PDB file of all heavy atoms in Angstrom:
ATOM      1  N   ALA A   1       0.817  -1.214   0.000  1.00  0.00           N
ATOM      2  CA  ALA A   1       0.000   0.000   0.000  1.00  0.00           C
ATOM      3  C   ALA A   1       0.850   1.263   0.000  1.00  0.00           C
ATOM      4  O   ALA A   1       0.321   2.369  -0.122  1.00  0.00           O
ATOM      5  CB  ALA A   1      -0.922   0.004   1.220  1.00  0.00           C
ATOM      6  N   GLY A   2       2.160   1.116   0.162  1.00  0.00           N
ATOM      7  CA  GLY A   2       3.037   2.277   0.189  1.00  0.00           C
ATOM      8  C   GLY A   2       2.952   3.051   1.489  1.00  0.00           C
ATOM      9  O   GLY A   2       3.238   4.241   1.533  1.00  0.00           O
ATOM     10  N   VAL A   3       2.548   2.374   2.557  1.00  0.00           N
ATOM     11  CA  VAL A   3       2.418   3.011   3.874  1.00  0.00           C
ATOM     12  C   VAL A   3       3.565   2.523   4.747  1.00  0.00           C
ATOM     13  O   VAL A   3       3.600   1.349   5.116  1.00  0.00           O
ATOM     14  CB  VAL A   3       1.065   2.656   4.533  1.00  0.00           C
ATOM     15  CG1 VAL A   3       0.965   3.268   5.910  1.00  0.00           C
ATOM     16  CG2 VAL A   3      -0.085   3.077   3.645  1.00  0.00           C
ATOM     17  N   PRO A   4       4.493   3.409   5.076  1.00  0.00           N
ATOM     18  CA  PRO A   4       5.613   2.976   5.906  1.00  0.00           C
ATOM     19  C   PRO A   4       5.173   2.827   7.372  1.00  0.00           C
ATOM     20  O   PRO A   4       4.645   3.756   7.966  1.00  0.00           O
ATOM     21  CB  PRO A   4       6.634   4.108   5.762  1.00  0.00           C
ATOM     22  CG  PRO A   4       5.812   5.316   5.442  1.00  0.00           C
ATOM     23  CD  PRO A   4       4.606   4.807   4.683  1.00  0.00           C
ATOM     24  N   ILE A   5       5.379   1.654   7.914  1.00  0.00           N
ATOM     25  CA  ILE A   5       5.072   1.430   9.327  1.00  0.00           C
ATOM     26  C   ILE A   5       6.194   0.632   9.965  1.00  0.00           C
ATOM     27  O   ILE A   5       6.965  -0.030   9.285  1.00  0.00           O
ATOM     28  CB  ILE A   5       3.732   0.684   9.542  1.00  0.00           C
ATOM     29  CG1 ILE A   5       3.775  -0.694   8.880  1.00  0.00           C
ATOM     30  CG2 ILE A   5       2.557   1.503   9.066  1.00  0.00           C
ATOM     31  CD1 ILE A   5       2.611  -1.576   9.252  1.00  0.00           C
ATOM     32  N   ALA A   6       6.273   0.708  11.249  1.00  0.00           N
ATOM     33  CA  ALA A   6       7.275  -0.053  12.000  1.00  0.00           C
ATOM     34  C   ALA A   6       6.570  -0.816  13.112  1.00  0.00           C
ATOM     35  O   ALA A   6       6.879  -0.670  14.281  1.00  0.00           O
ATOM     36  CB  ALA A   6       8.329   0.893  12.564  1.00  0.00           C
ATOM     37  N   TRP A   7       5.582  -1.605  12.746  1.00  0.00           N
ATOM     38  CA  TRP A   7       4.809  -2.370  13.719  1.00  0.00           C
ATOM     39  C   TRP A   7       5.467  -3.692  14.025  1.00  0.00           C
ATOM     40  O   TRP A   7       6.202  -4.247  13.226  1.00  0.00           O
ATOM     41  CB  TRP A   7       3.430  -2.678  13.180  1.00  0.00           C
ATOM     42  CG  TRP A   7       2.480  -1.541  13.213  1.00  0.00           C
ATOM     43  CD1 TRP A   7       2.736  -0.251  13.572  1.00  0.00           C
ATOM     44  CD2 TRP A   7       1.113  -1.597  12.855  1.00  0.00           C
ATOM     45  NE1 TRP A   7       1.611   0.480  13.451  1.00  0.00           N
ATOM     46  CE2 TRP A   7       0.595  -0.310  13.012  1.00  0.00           C
ATOM     47  CE3 TRP A   7       0.281  -2.603  12.421  1.00  0.00           C
ATOM     48  CZ2 TRP A   7      -0.734  -0.007  12.760  1.00  0.00           C
ATOM     49  CZ3 TRP A   7      -1.035  -2.303  12.162  1.00  0.00           C
ATOM     50  CH2 TRP A   7      -1.533  -1.017  12.324  1.00  0.00           C
ATOM     51  N   THR A   8       5.128  -4.200  15.188  1.00  0.00           N
ATOM     52  CA  THR A   8       5.485  -5.562  15.565  1.00  0.00           C
ATOM     53  C   THR A   8       4.249  -6.179  16.203  1.00  0.00           C
ATOM     54  O   THR A   8       3.233  -5.502  16.387  1.00  0.00           O
ATOM     55  CB  THR A   8       6.639  -5.592  16.585  1.00  0.00           C
ATOM     56  OG1 THR A   8       6.178  -5.015  17.810  1.00  0.00           O
ATOM     57  CG2 THR A   8       7.853  -4.832  16.085  1.00  0.00           C
ATOM     58  N   GLY A   9       4.334  -7.414  16.581  1.00  0.00           N
ATOM     59  CA  GLY A   9       3.228  -8.042  17.302  1.00  0.00           C
ATOM     60  C   GLY A   9       2.942  -7.313  18.603  1.00  0.00           C
ATOM     61  O   GLY A   9       1.798  -7.246  19.053  1.00  0.00           O
ATOM     62  N   HIS A  10       3.969  -6.719  19.197  1.00  0.00           N
ATOM     63  CA  HIS A  10       3.767  -5.964  20.433  1.00  0.00           C
ATOM     64  C   HIS A  10       2.930  -4.714  20.197  1.00  0.00           C
ATOM     65  O   HIS A  10       2.180  -4.292  21.072  1.00  0.00           O
ATOM     66  CB  HIS A  10       5.106  -5.602  21.070  1.00  0.00           C
ATOM     67  CG  HIS A  10       5.800  -6.781  21.660  1.00  0.00           C
ATOM     68  ND1 HIS A  10       5.389  -7.396  22.812  1.00  0.00           N
ATOM     69  CD2 HIS A  10       6.865  -7.482  21.228  1.00  0.00           C
ATOM     70  CE1 HIS A  10       6.173  -8.421  23.077  1.00  0.00           C
ATOM     71  NE2 HIS A  10       7.072  -8.499  22.123  1.00  0.00           N
ATOM     72  N   SER A  11       3.025  -4.126  19.016  1.00  0.00           N
ATOM     73  CA  SER A  11       2.204  -2.947  18.701  1.00  0.00           C
ATOM     74  C   SER A  11       0.725  -3.287  18.802  1.00  0.00           C
ATOM     75  O   SER A  11      -0.076  -2.498  19.304  1.00  0.00           O
ATOM     76  CB  SER A  11       2.508  -2.441  17.290  1.00  0.00           C
ATOM     77  OG  SER A  11       3.859  -2.100  17.150  1.00  0.00           O
ATOM     78  N   LEU A  12       0.361  -4.468  18.316  1.00  0.00           N
ATOM     79  CA  LEU A  12      -1.036  -4.887  18.372  1.00  0.00           C
ATOM     80  C   LEU A  12      -1.467  -5.155  19.799  1.00  0.00           C
ATOM     81  O   LEU A  12      -2.598  -4.838  20.187  1.00  0.00           O
ATOM     82  CB  LEU A  12      -1.234  -6.127  17.500  1.00  0.00           C
ATOM     83  CG  LEU A  12      -0.885  -5.944  16.026  1.00  0.00           C
ATOM     84  CD1 LEU A  12      -0.981  -7.276  15.296  1.00  0.00           C
ATOM     85  CD2 LEU A  12      -1.775  -4.906  15.389  1.00  0.00           C
ATOM     86  N   ARG A  13      -0.588  -5.719  20.610  1.00  0.00           N
ATOM     87  CA  ARG A  13      -0.923  -5.985  22.010  1.00  0.00           C
ATOM     88  C   ARG A  13      -1.082  -4.675  22.784  1.00  0.00           C
ATOM     89  O   ARG A  13      -1.962  -4.546  23.618  1.00  0.00           O
ATOM     90  CB  ARG A  13       0.142  -6.857  22.672  1.00  0.00           C
ATOM     91  CG  ARG A  13       0.153  -8.271  22.133  1.00  0.00           C
ATOM     92  CD  ARG A  13       1.146  -9.120  22.852  1.00  0.00           C
ATOM     93  NE  ARG A  13       0.471  -9.784  23.972  1.00  0.00           N
ATOM     94  CZ  ARG A  13       1.107 -10.338  24.983  1.00  0.00           C
ATOM     95  NH1 ARG A  13       2.424 -10.305  25.032  1.00  0.00           N
ATOM     96  NH2 ARG A  13       0.445 -10.926  25.947  1.00  0.00           N
ATOM     97  N   ILE A  14      -0.219  -3.708  22.506  1.00  0.00           N
ATOM     98  CA  ILE A  14      -0.331  -2.400  23.161  1.00  0.00           C
ATOM     99  C   ILE A  14      -1.651  -1.759  22.789  1.00  0.00           C
ATOM    100  O   ILE A  14      -2.354  -1.210  23.637  1.00  0.00           O
ATOM    101  CB  ILE A  14       0.852  -1.484  22.776  1.00  0.00           C
ATOM    102  CG1 ILE A  14       2.132  -1.971  23.437  1.00  0.00           C
ATOM    103  CG2 ILE A  14       0.566  -0.036  23.140  1.00  0.00           C
ATOM    104  CD1 ILE A  14       3.383  -1.296  22.926  1.00  0.00           C
ATOM    105  N   GLY A  15      -2.012  -1.832  21.510  1.00  0.00           N
ATOM    106  CA  GLY A  15      -3.282  -1.249  21.063  1.00  0.00           C
ATOM    107  C   GLY A  15      -4.474  -1.897  21.737  1.00  0.00           C
ATOM    108  O   GLY A  15      -5.399  -1.224  22.181  1.00  0.00           O
ATOM    109  N   LEU A  16      -4.458  -3.227  21.837  1.00  0.00           N
ATOM    110  CA  LEU A  16      -5.549  -3.935  22.504  1.00  0.00           C
ATOM    111  C   LEU A  16      -5.649  -3.511  23.960  1.00  0.00           C
ATOM    112  O   LEU A  16      -6.723  -3.129  24.431  1.00  0.00           O
ATOM    113  CB  LEU A  16      -5.332  -5.447  22.435  1.00  0.00           C
ATOM    114  CG  LEU A  16      -6.216  -6.264  23.396  1.00  0.00           C
ATOM    115  CD1 LEU A  16      -7.665  -6.226  22.955  1.00  0.00           C
ATOM    116  CD2 LEU A  16      -5.711  -7.678  23.530  1.00  0.00           C
ATOM    117  N   ALA A  17      -4.542  -3.587  24.687  1.00  0.00           N
ATOM    118  CA  ALA A  17      -4.569  -3.284  26.117  1.00  0.00           C
ATOM    119  C   ALA A  17      -4.968  -1.839  26.374  1.00  0.00           C
ATOM    120  O   ALA A  17      -5.783  -1.557  27.259  1.00  0.00           O
ATOM    121  CB  ALA A  17      -3.208  -3.585  26.749  1.00  0.00           C
ATOM    122  N   SER A  18      -4.431  -0.910  25.589  1.00  0.00           N
ATOM    123  CA  SER A  18      -4.729   0.510  25.791  1.00  0.00           C
ATOM    124  C   SER A  18      -6.182   0.833  25.469  1.00  0.00           C
ATOM    125  O   SER A  18      -6.866   1.521  26.234  1.00  0.00           O
ATOM    126  CB  SER A  18      -3.813   1.377  24.926  1.00  0.00           C
ATOM    127  OG  SER A  18      -2.464   1.180  25.286  1.00  0.00           O
ATOM    128  N   ALA A  19      -6.669   0.337  24.337  1.00  0.00           N
ATOM    129  CA  ALA A  19      -8.051   0.619  23.941  1.00  0.00           C
ATOM    130  C   ALA A  19      -9.048  -0.042  24.890  1.00  0.00           C
ATOM    131  O   ALA A  19     -10.058   0.567  25.251  1.00  0.00           O
ATOM    132  CB  ALA A  19      -8.301   0.133  22.515  1.00  0.00           C
ATOM    133  N   ALA A  20      -8.761  -1.250  25.328  1.00  0.00           N
ATOM    134  CA  ALA A  20      -9.668  -1.936  26.248  1.00  0.00           C
ATOM    135  C   ALA A  20      -9.713  -1.231  27.595  1.00  0.00           C
ATOM    136  O   ALA A  20     -10.776  -1.057  28.187  1.00  0.00           O
ATOM    137  CB  ALA A  20      -9.240  -3.389  26.424  1.00  0.00           C
ATOM    138  N   ARG A  21      -8.563  -0.794  28.077  1.00  0.00           N
ATOM    139  CA  ARG A  21      -8.521  -0.066  29.344  1.00  0.00           C
ATOM    140  C   ARG A  21      -9.308   1.244  29.238  1.00  0.00           C
ATOM    141  O   ARG A  21     -10.081   1.587  30.105  1.00  0.00           O
ATOM    142  CB  ARG A  21      -7.073   0.229  29.736  1.00  0.00           C
ATOM    143  CG  ARG A  21      -6.956   0.977  31.047  1.00  0.00           C
ATOM    144  CD  ARG A  21      -5.496   1.341  31.306  1.00  0.00           C
ATOM    145  NE  ARG A  21      -5.341   1.998  32.570  1.00  0.00           N
ATOM    146  CZ  ARG A  21      -5.646   3.272  32.797  1.00  0.00           C
ATOM    147  NH1 ARG A  21      -6.123   4.015  31.821  1.00  0.00           N
ATOM    148  NH2 ARG A  21      -5.485   3.812  33.979  1.00  0.00           N
ATOM    149  N   ARG A  22      -9.094   1.956  28.139  1.00  0.00           N
ATOM    150  CA  ARG A  22      -9.784   3.230  27.919  1.00  0.00           C
ATOM    151  C   ARG A  22     -11.296   3.024  27.872  1.00  0.00           C
ATOM    152  O   ARG A  22     -12.059   3.872  28.299  1.00  0.00           O
ATOM    153  CB  ARG A  22      -9.282   3.826  26.598  1.00  0.00           C
ATOM    154  CG  ARG A  22      -9.386   5.299  26.495  1.00  0.00           C
ATOM    155  CD  ARG A  22      -8.667   5.910  25.290  1.00  0.00           C
ATOM    156  NE  ARG A  22      -8.414   5.054  24.145  1.00  0.00           N
ATOM    157  CZ  ARG A  22      -7.217   4.566  23.825  1.00  0.00           C
ATOM    158  NH1 ARG A  22      -6.157   4.824  24.555  1.00  0.00           N
ATOM    159  NH2 ARG A  22      -7.065   3.809  22.754  1.00  0.00           N
ATOM    160  N   ALA A  23     -11.724   1.866  27.372  1.00  0.00           N
ATOM    161  CA  ALA A  23     -13.153   1.555  27.282  1.00  0.00           C
ATOM    162  C   ALA A  23     -13.706   0.997  28.602  1.00  0.00           C
ATOM    163  O   ALA A  23     -14.876   0.646  28.672  1.00  0.00           O
ATOM    164  CB  ALA A  23     -13.397   0.558  26.155  1.00  0.00           C
ATOM    165  N   GLY A  24     -12.846   0.901  29.620  1.00  0.00           N
ATOM    166  CA  GLY A  24     -13.303   0.459  30.927  1.00  0.00           C
ATOM    167  C   GLY A  24     -13.386  -1.046  31.106  1.00  0.00           C
ATOM    168  O   GLY A  24     -14.034  -1.528  32.027  1.00  0.00           O
ATOM    169  N   ARG A  25     -12.718  -1.810  30.239  1.00  0.00           N
ATOM    170  CA  ARG A  25     -12.760  -3.258  30.361  1.00  0.00           C
ATOM    171  C   ARG A  25     -12.002  -3.721  31.598  1.00  0.00           C
ATOM    172  O   ARG A  25     -11.033  -3.108  32.019  1.00  0.00           O
ATOM    173  CB  ARG A  25     -12.158  -3.944  29.136  1.00  0.00           C
ATOM    174  CG  ARG A  25     -12.889  -3.687  27.848  1.00  0.00           C
ATOM    175  CD  ARG A  25     -14.338  -4.192  27.915  1.00  0.00           C
ATOM    176  NE  ARG A  25     -14.988  -4.154  26.631  1.00  0.00           N
ATOM    177  CZ  ARG A  25     -15.609  -3.080  26.139  1.00  0.00           C
ATOM    178  NH1 ARG A  25     -15.649  -1.965  26.807  1.00  0.00           N
ATOM    179  NH2 ARG A  25     -16.180  -3.148  24.954  1.00  0.00           N
ATOM    180  N   ASP A  26     -12.431  -4.832  32.134  1.00  0.00           N
ATOM    181  CA  ASP A  26     -11.830  -5.426  33.313  1.00  0.00           C
ATOM    182  C   ASP A  26     -10.431  -5.947  32.991  1.00  0.00           C
ATOM    183  O   ASP A  26     -10.200  -6.493  31.907  1.00  0.00           O
ATOM    184  CB  ASP A  26     -12.736  -6.578  33.769  1.00  0.00           C
ATOM    185  CG  ASP A  26     -12.180  -7.294  34.975  1.00  0.00           C
ATOM    186  OD1 ASP A  26     -12.206  -6.697  36.070  1.00  0.00           O
ATOM    187  OD2 ASP A  26     -11.712  -8.430  34.808  1.00  0.00           O
ATOM    188  N   GLY A  27      -9.504  -5.791  33.937  1.00  0.00           N
ATOM    189  CA  GLY A  27      -8.137  -6.235  33.735  1.00  0.00           C
ATOM    190  C   GLY A  27      -8.023  -7.718  33.459  1.00  0.00           C
ATOM    191  O   GLY A  27      -7.175  -8.151  32.673  1.00  0.00           O
ATOM    192  N   ILE A  28      -8.873  -8.529  34.079  1.00  0.00           N
ATOM    193  CA  ILE A  28      -8.834  -9.970  33.842  1.00  0.00           C
ATOM    194  C   ILE A  28      -9.264 -10.276  32.414  1.00  0.00           C
ATOM    195  O   ILE A  28      -8.656 -11.107  31.734  1.00  0.00           O
ATOM    196  CB  ILE A  28      -9.716 -10.725  34.860  1.00  0.00           C
ATOM    197  CG1 ILE A  28      -9.073 -10.626  36.243  1.00  0.00           C
ATOM    198  CG2 ILE A  28      -9.925 -12.175  34.456  1.00  0.00           C
ATOM    199  CD1 ILE A  28      -9.909 -11.198  37.365  1.00  0.00           C
ATOM    200  N   ALA A  29     -10.276  -9.583  31.930  1.00  0.00           N
ATOM    201  CA  ALA A  29     -10.726  -9.787  30.548  1.00  0.00           C
ATOM    202  C   ALA A  29      -9.640  -9.375  29.558  1.00  0.00           C
ATOM    203  O   ALA A  29      -9.429 -10.054  28.549  1.00  0.00           O
ATOM    204  CB  ALA A  29     -12.011  -8.996  30.291  1.00  0.00           C
ATOM    205  N   ILE A  30      -8.944  -8.285  29.854  1.00  0.00           N
ATOM    206  CA  ILE A  30      -7.856  -7.833  28.982  1.00  0.00           C
ATOM    207  C   ILE A  30      -6.729  -8.869  28.986  1.00  0.00           C
ATOM    208  O   ILE A  30      -6.197  -9.228  27.933  1.00  0.00           O
ATOM    209  CB  ILE A  30      -7.332  -6.454  29.421  1.00  0.00           C
ATOM    210  CG1 ILE A  30      -8.426  -5.392  29.272  1.00  0.00           C
ATOM    211  CG2 ILE A  30      -6.083  -6.066  28.620  1.00  0.00           C
ATOM    212  CD1 ILE A  30      -8.082  -4.057  29.904  1.00  0.00           C
ATOM    213  N   ALA A  31      -6.384  -9.367  30.167  1.00  0.00           N
ATOM    214  CA  ALA A  31      -5.326 -10.373  30.273  1.00  0.00           C
ATOM    215  C   ALA A  31      -5.691 -11.637  29.499  1.00  0.00           C
ATOM    216  O   ALA A  31      -4.865 -12.181  28.755  1.00  0.00           O
ATOM    217  CB  ALA A  31      -5.067 -10.713  31.741  1.00  0.00           C
ATOM    218  N   ASP A  32      -6.912 -12.091  29.653  1.00  0.00           N
ATOM    219  CA  ASP A  32      -7.347 -13.301  28.947  1.00  0.00           C
ATOM    220  C   ASP A  32      -7.267 -13.127  27.434  1.00  0.00           C
ATOM    221  O   ASP A  32      -6.795 -14.003  26.719  1.00  0.00           O
ATOM    222  CB  ASP A  32      -8.782 -13.671  29.342  1.00  0.00           C
ATOM    223  CG  ASP A  32      -8.891 -14.222  30.750  1.00  0.00           C
ATOM    224  OD1 ASP A  32      -7.856 -14.494  31.388  1.00  0.00           O
ATOM    225  OD2 ASP A  32     -10.037 -14.356  31.226  1.00  0.00           O
ATOM    226  N   ARG A  33      -7.726 -11.999  26.929  1.00  0.00           N
ATOM    227  CA  ARG A  33      -7.740 -11.768  25.482  1.00  0.00           C
ATOM    228  C   ARG A  33      -6.338 -11.556  24.930  1.00  0.00           C
ATOM    229  O   ARG A  33      -6.018 -12.001  23.837  1.00  0.00           O
ATOM    230  CB  ARG A  33      -8.617 -10.549  25.164  1.00  0.00           C
ATOM    231  CG  ARG A  33      -8.701 -10.197  23.693  1.00  0.00           C
ATOM    232  CD  ARG A  33      -9.225 -11.301  22.830  1.00  0.00           C
ATOM    233  NE  ARG A  33     -10.575 -11.657  23.218  1.00  0.00           N
ATOM    234  CZ  ARG A  33     -11.245 -12.682  22.750  1.00  0.00           C
ATOM    235  NH1 ARG A  33     -10.710 -13.453  21.846  1.00  0.00           N
ATOM    236  NH2 ARG A  33     -12.449 -12.946  23.173  1.00  0.00           N
ATOM    237  N   GLY A  34      -5.489 -10.886  25.697  1.00  0.00           N
ATOM    238  CA  GLY A  34      -4.149 -10.571  25.204  1.00  0.00           C
ATOM    239  C   GLY A  34      -3.111 -11.644  25.462  1.00  0.00           C
ATOM    240  O   GLY A  34      -1.971 -11.519  25.028  1.00  0.00           O
ATOM    241  N   GLY A  35      -3.497 -12.689  26.187  1.00  0.00           N
ATOM    242  CA  GLY A  35      -2.572 -13.779  26.433  1.00  0.00           C
ATOM    243  C   GLY A  35      -1.633 -13.562  27.607  1.00  0.00           C
ATOM    244  O   GLY A  35      -0.610 -14.231  27.724  1.00  0.00           O
ATOM    245  N   TRP A  36      -1.957 -12.625  28.484  1.00  0.00           N
ATOM    246  CA  TRP A  36      -1.160 -12.407  29.687  1.00  0.00           C
ATOM    247  C   TRP A  36      -1.714 -13.265  30.824  1.00  0.00           C
ATOM    248  O   TRP A  36      -2.885 -13.624  30.828  1.00  0.00           O
ATOM    249  CB  TRP A  36      -1.231 -10.952  30.144  1.00  0.00           C
ATOM    250  CG  TRP A  36      -0.526  -9.979  29.271  1.00  0.00           C
ATOM    251  CD1 TRP A  36       0.811  -9.729  29.241  1.00  0.00           C
ATOM    252  CD2 TRP A  36      -1.112  -9.085  28.324  1.00  0.00           C
ATOM    253  NE1 TRP A  36       1.087  -8.746  28.324  1.00  0.00           N
ATOM    254  CE2 TRP A  36      -0.084  -8.337  27.750  1.00  0.00           C
ATOM    255  CE3 TRP A  36      -2.425  -8.860  27.905  1.00  0.00           C
ATOM    256  CZ2 TRP A  36      -0.302  -7.369  26.784  1.00  0.00           C
ATOM    257  CZ3 TRP A  36      -2.643  -7.900  26.942  1.00  0.00           C
ATOM    258  CH2 TRP A  36      -1.590  -7.166  26.384  1.00  0.00           C
ATOM    259  N   ALA A  37      -0.886 -13.530  31.819  1.00  0.00           N
ATOM    260  CA  ALA A  37      -1.383 -14.154  33.046  1.00  0.00           C
ATOM    261  C   ALA A  37      -2.298 -13.143  33.734  1.00  0.00           C
ATOM    262  O   ALA A  37      -2.109 -11.922  33.608  1.00  0.00           O
ATOM    263  CB  ALA A  37      -0.211 -14.506  33.961  1.00  0.00           C
ATOM    264  N   ARG A  38      -3.287 -13.607  34.441  1.00  0.00           N
ATOM    265  CA  ARG A  38      -4.262 -12.698  35.054  1.00  0.00           C
ATOM    266  C   ARG A  38      -3.652 -11.749  36.081  1.00  0.00           C
ATOM    267  O   ARG A  38      -4.203 -10.698  36.356  1.00  0.00           O
ATOM    268  CB  ARG A  38      -5.390 -13.500  35.684  1.00  0.00           C
ATOM    269  CG  ARG A  38      -6.282 -14.114  34.632  1.00  0.00           C
ATOM    270  CD  ARG A  38      -7.442 -14.818  35.233  1.00  0.00           C
ATOM    271  NE  ARG A  38      -8.391 -15.185  34.184  1.00  0.00           N
ATOM    272  CZ  ARG A  38      -9.584 -15.647  34.445  1.00  0.00           C
ATOM    273  NH1 ARG A  38      -9.995 -15.813  35.687  1.00  0.00           N
ATOM    274  NH2 ARG A  38     -10.389 -15.959  33.447  1.00  0.00           N
ATOM    275  N   ASN A  39      -2.534 -12.115  36.666  1.00  0.00           N
ATOM    276  CA  ASN A  39      -1.878 -11.235  37.644  1.00  0.00           C
ATOM    277  C   ASN A  39      -0.594 -10.618  37.076  1.00  0.00           C
ATOM    278  O   ASN A  39       0.302 -10.270  37.813  1.00  0.00           O
ATOM    279  CB  ASN A  39      -1.577 -12.016  38.919  1.00  0.00           C
ATOM    280  CG  ASN A  39      -0.674 -13.210  38.664  1.00  0.00           C
ATOM    281  OD1 ASN A  39      -0.385 -13.545  37.513  1.00  0.00           O
ATOM    282  ND2 ASN A  39      -0.233 -13.861  39.718  1.00  0.00           N
TER     283      ASN A  39
END
């Protein structure tokens, strides 16, 4: 597409965690979806 980006898999995880937190999602739900341990 001619769009220069410097993304990694971590970029997607940061986006998920940040957007979910901003939307008020529960930390356990964010951990489950993002593949983190609940604690």
